[in-house]
Amino acid sequence: MQEVLRTGDPVRASWAIATLADAGIEAVLADLNTHMLEGSGVAIPRRVLTTSEDASRARWILKTNDPVKPAP
């Protein structure tokens, strides 16, 4: 498994999982419950993981479909 996204935002992590699923890429969310250890929820980011074979395509899909684009 390879990491394709790391974020402290649970909504962004959920978006990534759904976006990859729509593209036919199976992804898993790691570190989902680690926020319970430190108490806040954003200090320990969640990781989105895919297989090594899908990792580069998954990164490209997430980058090109990113809803949070920098302002011009």
Foldseek 3Di string as FASTA:
>chain_A
DDFLDWFLDPVLVVVLQVQCVVVVFHKDKPPQPVCVVVPDRRPGTITIDGDPVCRVVSNVSCVVPPPDDDDD
